[in-house]
Protein backbone atom coordinates (compact mmCIF):
# COMPACT_ATOMS: atom_id res chain seq x y z
CA MET A 1 -46.11 -183.86 -132.65
CA ARG A 2 -46.28 -181.66 -129.52
CA PHE A 3 -45.04 -182.48 -126.04
CA ILE A 4 -47.02 -180.69 -123.32
CA CYS A 5 -46.03 -180.59 -119.65
CA ARG A 6 -48.34 -179.09 -117.01
CA ASN A 7 -49.40 -179.46 -113.39
CA PHE A 8 -45.88 -179.73 -112.00
CA GLY A 9 -45.67 -181.06 -108.47
CA LEU A 10 -43.68 -182.79 -105.76
CA SER A 11 -46.00 -185.65 -104.84
CA ASP A 12 -43.20 -187.84 -103.42
CA LEU A 13 -42.33 -185.42 -100.61
CA PRO A 14 -45.12 -186.53 -98.22
CA ARG A 15 -44.08 -190.16 -98.73
CA ARG A 16 -40.61 -189.13 -97.59
CA GLY A 17 -42.09 -187.34 -94.56
CA LEU A 18 -41.10 -183.90 -95.90
CA SER A 19 -42.83 -180.69 -96.88
CA PRO A 20 -41.49 -178.34 -99.59
CA HIS A 21 -40.33 -175.91 -96.88
CA GLU A 22 -38.44 -178.58 -94.89
CA ALA A 23 -36.80 -180.52 -97.71
CA PRO A 24 -33.16 -179.90 -98.62
CA LEU A 25 -32.96 -178.09 -101.97
CA ALA A 26 -31.66 -181.16 -103.84
CA VAL A 27 -34.74 -183.22 -102.94
CA PRO A 28 -37.45 -181.05 -104.57
CA LEU A 29 -35.25 -180.34 -107.59
CA LEU A 30 -34.77 -184.05 -108.24
CA ASP A 31 -38.32 -185.28 -107.56
CA ILE A 32 -40.31 -183.05 -109.91
CA GLU A 33 -43.31 -184.70 -111.58
CA ALA A 34 -45.77 -183.32 -114.13
CA GLU A 35 -48.57 -184.33 -116.42
CA LEU A 36 -46.92 -185.13 -119.74
CA SER A 37 -48.93 -185.61 -122.90
CA LEU A 38 -48.12 -186.12 -126.57
CA TRP A 39 -50.41 -184.54 -129.14
CA GLU A 40 -50.66 -185.11 -132.87
CA ASP A 41 -53.07 -183.44 -135.26
CA GLY A 42 -54.89 -181.74 -132.37
CA ARG A 43 -55.61 -184.86 -130.33
CA ALA A 44 -53.91 -186.51 -127.38
CA VAL A 45 -52.00 -189.64 -128.37
CA TRP A 46 -50.55 -190.45 -124.94
CA SER A 47 -50.72 -188.99 -121.42
CA GLU A 48 -49.17 -189.75 -118.03
CA ASP A 49 -50.37 -187.94 -114.87
CA ALA A 50 -47.22 -188.22 -112.74
CA PHE A 51 -44.33 -188.48 -115.19
CA PRO A 52 -40.92 -187.92 -113.55
CA MET A 53 -39.49 -184.74 -115.05
CA ALA A 54 -36.38 -184.91 -112.93
CA GLU A 55 -35.52 -187.87 -110.78
CA ARG A 56 -32.71 -189.18 -108.65
CA PRO A 57 -30.60 -191.94 -110.18
């Protein structure tokens, strides 16, 4: 089984009224999202477009 992460982004920043250049460093580092997919035998078994890779508690 392979785990693949791609298309990293910070889609929550606009909802918070912030841009990447304005946000305090802790905010972008804790709100990272990416497309996460699980592959087995060369085919996708599961995929999530905006999976939280790092998130605030």
